[in-house]
Amino acid sequence: MKQHTKNRRRHKFGRVQPVPRPWKRWEERYLGIRMDPEVARLIGRNPAAVAKHRRRLGIPAVRRRRAWTRAEDRLLEPCRIQPSGKG
């Protein structure tokens, strides 16, 4: 089925897809700095649309980093450099 036929049928039956609004520079500045769901909430867009636009621009995703546990910190204790106290 040709695209113009699909569009005509969608319009006839009330299933017209909204035209996405263009991205503004201030919206794109959040991409790659904050996580996609947070960006979507801040700028009022769908999280999937934010992820799609970020990937299209070639910007890597931000990953949440978890805090180190006490057990992990203790593993590093022998490697910790002590201040010399000389000055």
PDB file of N, CA and C in Angstrom:
ATOM      1  N   MET A   1       0.848  -1.174   0.000  1.00  0.00           N
ATOM      2  CA  MET A   1       0.000   0.000   0.000  1.00  0.00           C
ATOM      3  C   MET A   1       0.893   1.237   0.000  1.00  0.00           C
ATOM      4  N   LYS A   2       0.564   2.210  -0.843  1.00  0.00           N
ATOM      5  CA  LYS A   2       1.362   3.418  -0.960  1.00  0.00           C
ATOM      6  C   LYS A   2       1.165   4.312   0.265  1.00  0.00           C
ATOM      7  N   GLN A   3       2.191   5.102   0.571  1.00  0.00           N
ATOM      8  CA  GLN A   3       2.162   5.946   1.769  1.00  0.00           C
ATOM      9  C   GLN A   3       1.023   6.954   1.731  1.00  0.00           C
ATOM     10  N   HIS A   4       0.762   7.572   0.576  1.00  0.00           N
ATOM     11  CA  HIS A   4      -0.307   8.577   0.537  1.00  0.00           C
ATOM     12  C   HIS A   4      -1.675   7.934   0.768  1.00  0.00           C
ATOM     13  N   THR A   5      -1.825   6.657   0.385  1.00  0.00           N
ATOM     14  CA  THR A   5      -3.082   5.940   0.649  1.00  0.00           C
ATOM     15  C   THR A   5      -3.228   5.687   2.149  1.00  0.00           C
ATOM     16  N   LYS A   6      -2.129   5.286   2.794  1.00  0.00           N
ATOM     17  CA  LYS A   6      -2.166   5.072   4.247  1.00  0.00           C
ATOM     18  C   LYS A   6      -2.520   6.366   4.978  1.00  0.00           C
ATOM     19  N   ASN A   7      -1.884   7.462   4.573  1.00  0.00           N
ATOM     20  CA  ASN A   7      -2.152   8.741   5.224  1.00  0.00           C
ATOM     21  C   ASN A   7      -3.601   9.173   5.040  1.00  0.00           C
ATOM     22  N   ARG A   8      -4.149   8.945   3.835  1.00  0.00           N
ATOM     23  CA  ARG A   8      -5.536   9.312   3.562  1.00  0.00           C
ATOM     24  C   ARG A   8      -6.481   8.502   4.444  1.00  0.00           C
ATOM     25  N   ARG A   9      -6.210   7.198   4.587  1.00  0.00           N
ATOM     26  CA  ARG A   9      -7.049   6.343   5.432  1.00  0.00           C
ATOM     27  C   ARG A   9      -6.939   6.740   6.908  1.00  0.00           C
ATOM     28  N   ARG A  10      -5.735   7.030   7.353  1.00  0.00           N
ATOM     29  CA  ARG A  10      -5.563   7.459   8.744  1.00  0.00           C
ATOM     30  C   ARG A  10      -6.359   8.733   9.008  1.00  0.00           C
ATOM     31  N   HIS A  11      -6.280   9.667   8.077  1.00  0.00           N
ATOM     32  CA  HIS A  11      -7.015  10.922   8.237  1.00  0.00           C
ATOM     33  C   HIS A  11      -8.527  10.669   8.234  1.00  0.00           C
ATOM     34  N   LYS A  12      -8.980   9.804   7.349  1.00  0.00           N
ATOM     35  CA  LYS A  12     -10.406   9.507   7.238  1.00  0.00           C
ATOM     36  C   LYS A  12     -10.955   8.893   8.529  1.00  0.00           C
ATOM     37  N   PHE A  13     -10.166   8.019   9.158  1.00  0.00           N
ATOM     38  CA  PHE A  13     -10.645   7.342  10.357  1.00  0.00           C
ATOM     39  C   PHE A  13     -10.154   7.990  11.654  1.00  0.00           C
ATOM     40  N   GLY A  14      -9.591   9.183  11.563  1.00  0.00           N
ATOM     41  CA  GLY A  14      -9.193   9.916  12.759  1.00  0.00           C
ATOM     42  C   GLY A  14      -7.945   9.403  13.438  1.00  0.00           C
ATOM     43  N   ARG A  15      -7.057   8.787  12.689  1.00  0.00           N
ATOM     44  CA  ARG A  15      -5.833   8.240  13.290  1.00  0.00           C
ATOM     45  C   ARG A  15      -4.616   8.961  12.728  1.00  0.00           C
ATOM     46  N   VAL A  16      -4.699  10.260  12.692  1.00  0.00           N
ATOM     47  CA  VAL A  16      -3.607  11.059  12.149  1.00  0.00           C
ATOM     48  C   VAL A  16      -2.495  11.137  13.183  1.00  0.00           C
ATOM     49  N   GLN A  17      -1.283  10.872  12.750  1.00  0.00           N
ATOM     50  CA  GLN A  17      -0.130  10.950  13.640  1.00  0.00           C
ATOM     51  C   GLN A  17       0.272  12.413  13.807  1.00  0.00           C
ATOM     52  N   PRO A  18       0.476  12.853  15.042  1.00  0.00           N
ATOM     53  CA  PRO A  18       0.898  14.243  15.223  1.00  0.00           C
ATOM     54  C   PRO A  18       2.316  14.452  14.696  1.00  0.00           C
ATOM     55  N   VAL A  19       2.556  15.612  14.139  1.00  0.00           N
ATOM     56  CA  VAL A  19       3.886  15.937  13.635  1.00  0.00           C
ATOM     57  C   VAL A  19       4.751  16.306  14.836  1.00  0.00           C
ATOM     58  N   PRO A  20       5.879  15.625  15.018  1.00  0.00           N
ATOM     59  CA  PRO A  20       6.725  15.955  16.170  1.00  0.00           C
ATOM     60  C   PRO A  20       7.297  17.363  16.045  1.00  0.00           C
ATOM     61  N   ARG A  21       7.335  18.052  17.168  1.00  0.00           N
ATOM     62  CA  ARG A  21       7.855  19.415  17.121  1.00  0.00           C
ATOM     63  C   ARG A  21       9.374  19.378  16.995  1.00  0.00           C
ATOM     64  N   PRO A  22       9.945  20.351  16.332  1.00  0.00           N
ATOM     65  CA  PRO A  22      11.398  20.360  16.146  1.00  0.00           C
ATOM     66  C   PRO A  22      12.133  20.512  17.480  1.00  0.00           C
ATOM     67  N   TRP A  23      13.337  19.971  17.531  1.00  0.00           N
ATOM     68  CA  TRP A  23      14.162  20.079  18.730  1.00  0.00           C
ATOM     69  C   TRP A  23      14.823  21.444  18.776  1.00  0.00           C
ATOM     70  N   LYS A  24      14.890  21.999  19.970  1.00  0.00           N
ATOM     71  CA  LYS A  24      15.561  23.283  20.168  1.00  0.00           C
ATOM     72  C   LYS A  24      16.938  23.015  20.763  1.00  0.00           C
ATOM     73  N   ARG A  25      17.844  23.960  20.569  1.00  0.00           N
ATOM     74  CA  ARG A  25      19.216  23.778  21.061  1.00  0.00           C
ATOM     75  C   ARG A  25      19.265  23.566  22.563  1.00  0.00           C
ATOM     76  N   TRP A  26      18.455  24.304  23.312  1.00  0.00           N
ATOM     77  CA  TRP A  26      18.500  24.171  24.777  1.00  0.00           C
ATOM     78  C   TRP A  26      18.026  22.788  25.208  1.00  0.00           C
ATOM     79  N   GLU A  27      17.140  22.161  24.415  1.00  0.00           N
ATOM     80  CA  GLU A  27      16.692  20.801  24.731  1.00  0.00           C
ATOM     81  C   GLU A  27      17.814  19.791  24.454  1.00  0.00           C
ATOM     82  N   GLU A  28      18.524  19.995  23.353  1.00  0.00           N
ATOM     83  CA  GLU A  28      19.589  19.076  22.975  1.00  0.00           C
ATOM     84  C   GLU A  28      20.786  19.155  23.916  1.00  0.00           C
ATOM     85  N   ARG A  29      20.931  20.261  24.618  1.00  0.00           N
ATOM     86  CA  ARG A  29      22.061  20.407  25.549  1.00  0.00           C
ATOM     87  C   ARG A  29      21.983  19.418  26.707  1.00  0.00           C
ATOM     88  N   TYR A  30      20.789  18.953  27.051  1.00  0.00           N
ATOM     89  CA  TYR A  30      20.632  17.977  28.132  1.00  0.00           C
ATOM     90  C   TYR A  30      21.060  16.574  27.716  1.00  0.00           C
ATOM     91  N   LEU A  31      21.073  16.299  26.411  1.00  0.00           N
ATOM     92  CA  LEU A  31      21.367  14.950  25.918  1.00  0.00           C
ATOM     93  C   LEU A  31      22.817  14.580  26.216  1.00  0.00           C
ATOM     94  N   GLY A  32      23.013  13.408  26.794  1.00  0.00           N
ATOM     95  CA  GLY A  32      24.348  12.951  27.127  1.00  0.00           C
ATOM     96  C   GLY A  32      24.861  13.472  28.451  1.00  0.00           C
ATOM     97  N   ILE A  33      24.118  14.384  29.082  1.00  0.00           N
ATOM     98  CA  ILE A  33      24.506  14.932  30.378  1.00  0.00           C
ATOM     99  C   ILE A  33      23.628  14.346  31.475  1.00  0.00           C
ATOM    100  N   ARG A  34      22.364  14.155  31.145  1.00  0.00           N
ATOM    101  CA  ARG A  34      21.404  13.575  32.087  1.00  0.00           C
ATOM    102  C   ARG A  34      20.802  12.322  31.463  1.00  0.00           C
ATOM    103  N   MET A  35      20.196  11.493  32.283  1.00  0.00           N
ATOM    104  CA  MET A  35      19.577  10.267  31.786  1.00  0.00           C
ATOM    105  C   MET A  35      18.332  10.605  30.961  1.00  0.00           C
ATOM    106  N   ASP A  36      18.033   9.764  29.972  1.00  0.00           N
ATOM    107  CA  ASP A  36      16.931  10.026  29.044  1.00  0.00           C
ATOM    108  C   ASP A  36      15.585  10.275  29.737  1.00  0.00           C
ATOM    109  N   PRO A  37      15.167   9.475  30.728  1.00  0.00           N
ATOM    110  CA  PRO A  37      13.879   9.751  31.371  1.00  0.00           C
ATOM    111  C   PRO A  37      13.838  11.112  32.067  1.00  0.00           C
ATOM    112  N   GLU A  38      14.968  11.517  32.631  1.00  0.00           N
ATOM    113  CA  GLU A  38      15.028  12.823  33.291  1.00  0.00           C
ATOM    114  C   GLU A  38      14.938  13.953  32.269  1.00  0.00           C
ATOM    115  N   VAL A  39      15.643  13.797  31.149  1.00  0.00           N
ATOM    116  CA  VAL A  39      15.575  14.792  30.070  1.00  0.00           C
ATOM    117  C   VAL A  39      14.143  14.894  29.556  1.00  0.00           C
ATOM    118  N   ALA A  40      13.496  13.752  29.356  1.00  0.00           N
ATOM    119  CA  ALA A  40      12.120  13.739  28.848  1.00  0.00           C
ATOM    120  C   ALA A  40      11.186  14.504  29.789  1.00  0.00           C
ATOM    121  N   ARG A  41      11.352  14.291  31.077  1.00  0.00           N
ATOM    122  CA  ARG A  41      10.510  14.974  32.051  1.00  0.00           C
ATOM    123  C   ARG A  41      10.774  16.480  32.036  1.00  0.00           C
ATOM    124  N   LEU A  42      12.035  16.883  31.919  1.00  0.00           N
ATOM    125  CA  LEU A  42      12.385  18.297  31.945  1.00  0.00           C
ATOM    126  C   LEU A  42      11.877  19.063  30.732  1.00  0.00           C
ATOM    127  N   ILE A  43      11.907  18.408  29.563  1.00  0.00           N
ATOM    128  CA  ILE A  43      11.547  19.123  28.334  1.00  0.00           C
ATOM    129  C   ILE A  43      10.160  18.765  27.807  1.00  0.00           C
ATOM    130  N   GLY A  44       9.479  17.840  28.487  1.00  0.00           N
ATOM    131  CA  GLY A  44       8.111  17.509  28.080  1.00  0.00           C
ATOM    132  C   GLY A  44       8.013  16.658  26.828  1.00  0.00           C
ATOM    133  N   ARG A  45       8.909  15.697  26.701  1.00  0.00           N
ATOM    134  CA  ARG A  45       8.871  14.776  25.565  1.00  0.00           C
ATOM    135  C   ARG A  45       8.826  13.343  26.063  1.00  0.00           C
ATOM    136  N   ASN A  46       8.525  12.432  25.172  1.00  0.00           N
ATOM    137  CA  ASN A  46       8.471  11.009  25.475  1.00  0.00           C
ATOM    138  C   ASN A  46       9.898  10.483  25.659  1.00  0.00           C
ATOM    139  N   PRO A  47      10.158   9.641  26.685  1.00  0.00           N
ATOM    140  CA  PRO A  47      11.507   9.104  26.871  1.00  0.00           C
ATOM    141  C   PRO A  47      12.049   8.359  25.647  1.00  0.00           C
ATOM    142  N   ALA A  48      11.187   7.654  24.928  1.00  0.00           N
ATOM    143  CA  ALA A  48      11.635   6.945  23.722  1.00  0.00           C
ATOM    144  C   ALA A  48      12.071   7.930  22.642  1.00  0.00           C
ATOM    145  N   ALA A  49      11.374   9.053  22.528  1.00  0.00           N
ATOM    146  CA  ALA A  49      11.735  10.075  21.540  1.00  0.00           C
ATOM    147  C   ALA A  49      13.076  10.711  21.900  1.00  0.00           C
ATOM    148  N   VAL A  50      13.306  10.902  23.185  1.00  0.00           N
ATOM    149  CA  VAL A  50      14.577  11.476  23.640  1.00  0.00           C
ATOM    150  C   VAL A  50      15.719  10.519  23.301  1.00  0.00           C
ATOM    151  N   ALA A  51      15.542   9.236  23.608  1.00  0.00           N
ATOM    152  CA  ALA A  51      16.580   8.241  23.325  1.00  0.00           C
ATOM    153  C   ALA A  51      16.848   8.146  21.822  1.00  0.00           C
ATOM    154  N   LYS A  52      15.800   8.160  21.027  1.00  0.00           N
ATOM    155  CA  LYS A  52      15.943   8.064  19.577  1.00  0.00           C
ATOM    156  C   LYS A  52      16.721   9.261  19.021  1.00  0.00           C
ATOM    157  N   HIS A  53      16.379  10.455  19.490  1.00  0.00           N
ATOM    158  CA  HIS A  53      17.057  11.665  19.011  1.00  0.00           C
ATOM    159  C   HIS A  53      18.524  11.670  19.451  1.00  0.00           C
ATOM    160  N   ARG A  54      18.797  11.245  20.688  1.00  0.00           N
ATOM    161  CA  ARG A  54      20.167  11.187  21.191  1.00  0.00           C
ATOM    162  C   ARG A  54      21.004  10.228  20.348  1.00  0.00           C
ATOM    163  N   ARG A  55      20.443   9.051  20.048  1.00  0.00           N
ATOM    164  CA  ARG A  55      21.164   8.075  19.217  1.00  0.00           C
ATOM    165  C   ARG A  55      21.389   8.611  17.806  1.00  0.00           C
ATOM    166  N   ARG A  56      20.390   9.311  17.266  1.00  0.00           N
ATOM    167  CA  ARG A  56      20.512   9.866  15.920  1.00  0.00           C
ATOM    168  C   ARG A  56      21.660  10.879  15.853  1.00  0.00           C
ATOM    169  N   LEU A  57      21.872  11.619  16.954  1.00  0.00           N
ATOM    170  CA  LEU A  57      22.960  12.595  17.003  1.00  0.00           C
ATOM    171  C   LEU A  57      24.301  11.964  17.352  1.00  0.00           C
ATOM    172  N   GLY A  58      24.295  10.655  17.699  1.00  0.00           N
ATOM    173  CA  GLY A  58      25.529   9.967  18.034  1.00  0.00           C
ATOM    174  C   GLY A  58      26.052  10.281  19.427  1.00  0.00           C
ATOM    175  N   ILE A  59      25.168  10.682  20.322  1.00  0.00           N
ATOM    176  CA  ILE A  59      25.552  11.012  21.693  1.00  0.00           C
ATOM    177  C   ILE A  59      25.376   9.764  22.562  1.00  0.00           C
ATOM    178  N   PRO A  60      26.410   9.361  23.295  1.00  0.00           N
ATOM    179  CA  PRO A  60      26.280   8.169  24.140  1.00  0.00           C
ATOM    180  C   PRO A  60      25.342   8.415  25.320  1.00  0.00           C
ATOM    181  N   ALA A  61      24.738   7.353  25.804  1.00  0.00           N
ATOM    182  CA  ALA A  61      23.807   7.446  26.926  1.00  0.00           C
ATOM    183  C   ALA A  61      24.567   7.653  28.231  1.00  0.00           C
ATOM    184  N   VAL A  62      23.906   8.325  29.163  1.00  0.00           N
ATOM    185  CA  VAL A  62      24.446   8.505  30.508  1.00  0.00           C
ATOM    186  C   VAL A  62      24.007   7.305  31.325  1.00  0.00           C
ATOM    187  N   ARG A  63      24.937   6.725  32.041  1.00  0.00           N
ATOM    188  CA  ARG A  63      24.605   5.563  32.871  1.00  0.00           C
ATOM    189  C   ARG A  63      24.701   5.963  34.333  1.00  0.00           C
ATOM    190  N   ARG A  64      23.749   5.498  35.083  1.00  0.00           N
ATOM    191  CA  ARG A  64      23.741   5.770  36.514  1.00  0.00           C
ATOM    192  C   ARG A  64      24.844   4.957  37.175  1.00  0.00           C
ATOM    193  N   ARG A  65      25.613   5.610  38.006  1.00  0.00           N
ATOM    194  CA  ARG A  65      26.671   4.921  38.733  1.00  0.00           C
ATOM    195  C   ARG A  65      26.220   4.697  40.166  1.00  0.00           C
ATOM    196  N   ARG A  66      26.426   3.499  40.644  1.00  0.00           N
ATOM    197  CA  ARG A  66      26.038   3.222  42.016  1.00  0.00           C
ATOM    198  C   ARG A  66      27.194   3.534  42.950  1.00  0.00           C
ATOM    199  N   ALA A  67      26.869   3.815  44.187  1.00  0.00           N
ATOM    200  CA  ALA A  67      27.894   4.096  45.181  1.00  0.00           C
ATOM    201  C   ALA A  67      28.609   2.801  45.561  1.00  0.00           C
ATOM    202  N   TRP A  68      29.862   2.921  45.957  1.00  0.00           N
ATOM    203  CA  TRP A  68      30.623   1.764  46.390  1.00  0.00           C
ATOM    204  C   TRP A  68      30.103   1.300  47.746  1.00  0.00           C
ATOM    205  N   THR A  69      30.114  -0.005  47.953  1.00  0.00           N
ATOM    206  CA  THR A  69      29.709  -0.543  49.254  1.00  0.00           C
ATOM    207  C   THR A  69      30.897  -0.477  50.207  1.00  0.00           C
ATOM    208  N   ARG A  70      30.635  -0.632  51.501  1.00  0.00           N
ATOM    209  CA  ARG A  70      31.730  -0.636  52.485  1.00  0.00           C
ATOM    210  C   ARG A  70      32.690  -1.796  52.229  1.00  0.00           C
ATOM    211  N   ALA A  71      32.140  -2.933  51.826  1.00  0.00           N
ATOM    212  CA  ALA A  71      32.989  -4.097  51.538  1.00  0.00           C
ATOM    213  C   ALA A  71      33.931  -3.792  50.372  1.00  0.00           C
ATOM    214  N   GLU A  72      33.436  -3.106  49.356  1.00  0.00           N
ATOM    215  CA  GLU A  72      34.287  -2.746  48.227  1.00  0.00           C
ATOM    216  C   GLU A  72      35.350  -1.729  48.647  1.00  0.00           C
ATOM    217  N   ASP A  73      34.963  -0.776  49.495  1.00  0.00           N
ATOM    218  CA  ASP A  73      35.928   0.192  50.006  1.00  0.00           C
ATOM    219  C   ASP A  73      37.039  -0.500  50.790  1.00  0.00           C
ATOM    220  N   ARG A  74      36.673  -1.500  51.603  1.00  0.00           N
ATOM    221  CA  ARG A  74      37.658  -2.211  52.405  1.00  0.00           C
ATOM    222  C   ARG A  74      38.662  -2.964  51.540  1.00  0.00           C
ATOM    223  N   LEU A  75      38.228  -3.415  50.378  1.00  0.00           N
ATOM    224  CA  LEU A  75      39.152  -4.105  49.473  1.00  0.00           C
ATOM    225  C   LEU A  75      40.283  -3.180  49.019  1.00  0.00           C
ATOM    226  N   LEU A  76      40.001  -1.889  48.989  1.00  0.00           N
ATOM    227  CA  LEU A  76      41.001  -0.928  48.528  1.00  0.00           C
ATOM    228  C   LEU A  76      41.892  -0.396  49.649  1.00  0.00           C
ATOM    229  N   GLU A  77      41.591  -0.698  50.888  1.00  0.00           N
ATOM    230  CA  GLU A  77      42.358  -0.184  52.023  1.00  0.00           C
ATOM    231  C   GLU A  77      43.863  -0.406  51.876  1.00  0.00           C
ATOM    232  N   PRO A  78      44.342  -1.596  51.510  1.00  0.00           N
ATOM    233  CA  PRO A  78      45.795  -1.794  51.401  1.00  0.00           C
ATOM    234  C   PRO A  78      46.438  -0.909  50.330  1.00  0.00           C
ATOM    235  N   CYS A  79      45.674  -0.439  49.365  1.00  0.00           N
ATOM    236  CA  CYS A  79      46.219   0.363  48.278  1.00  0.00           C
ATOM    237  C   CYS A  79      46.185   1.852  48.571  1.00  0.00           C
ATOM    238  N   ARG A  80      45.527   2.250  49.633  1.00  0.00           N
ATOM    239  CA  ARG A  80      45.370   3.672  49.930  1.00  0.00           C
ATOM    240  C   ARG A  80      46.718   4.305  50.255  1.00  0.00           C
ATOM    241  N   ILE A  81      46.987   5.442  49.690  1.00  0.00           N
ATOM    242  CA  ILE A  81      48.234   6.167  49.929  1.00  0.00           C
ATOM    243  C   ILE A  81      48.034   7.056  51.152  1.00  0.00           C
ATOM    244  N   GLN A  82      48.939   6.931  52.107  1.00  0.00           N
ATOM    245  CA  GLN A  82      48.859   7.730  53.327  1.00  0.00           C
ATOM    246  C   GLN A  82      49.608   9.045  53.100  1.00  0.00           C
ATOM    247  N   PRO A  83      49.032  10.155  53.600  1.00  0.00           N
ATOM    248  CA  PRO A  83      49.762  11.433  53.467  1.00  0.00           C
ATOM    249  C   PRO A  83      51.062  11.383  54.277  1.00  0.00           C
ATOM    250  N   SER A  84      52.098  11.979  53.739  1.00  0.00           N
ATOM    251  CA  SER A  84      53.415  11.901  54.379  1.00  0.00           C
ATOM    252  C   SER A  84      53.531  12.839  55.583  1.00  0.00           C
ATOM    253  N   GLY A  85      52.762  13.892  55.623  1.00  0.00           N
ATOM    254  CA  GLY A  85      52.822  14.823  56.732  1.00  0.00           C
ATOM    255  C   GLY A  85      53.967  15.812  56.600  1.00  0.00           C
ATOM    256  N   LYS A  86      54.750  15.696  55.548  1.00  0.00           N
ATOM    257  CA  LYS A  86      55.850  16.635  55.341  1.00  0.00           C
ATOM    258  C   LYS A  86      55.335  17.797  54.504  1.00  0.00           C
ATOM    259  N   GLY A  87      55.776  18.975  54.792  1.00  0.00           N
ATOM    260  CA  GLY A  87      55.273  20.098  54.035  1.00  0.00           C
ATOM    261  C   GLY A  87      56.128  21.200  53.959  1.00  0.00           C
TER     262      GLY A  87
END
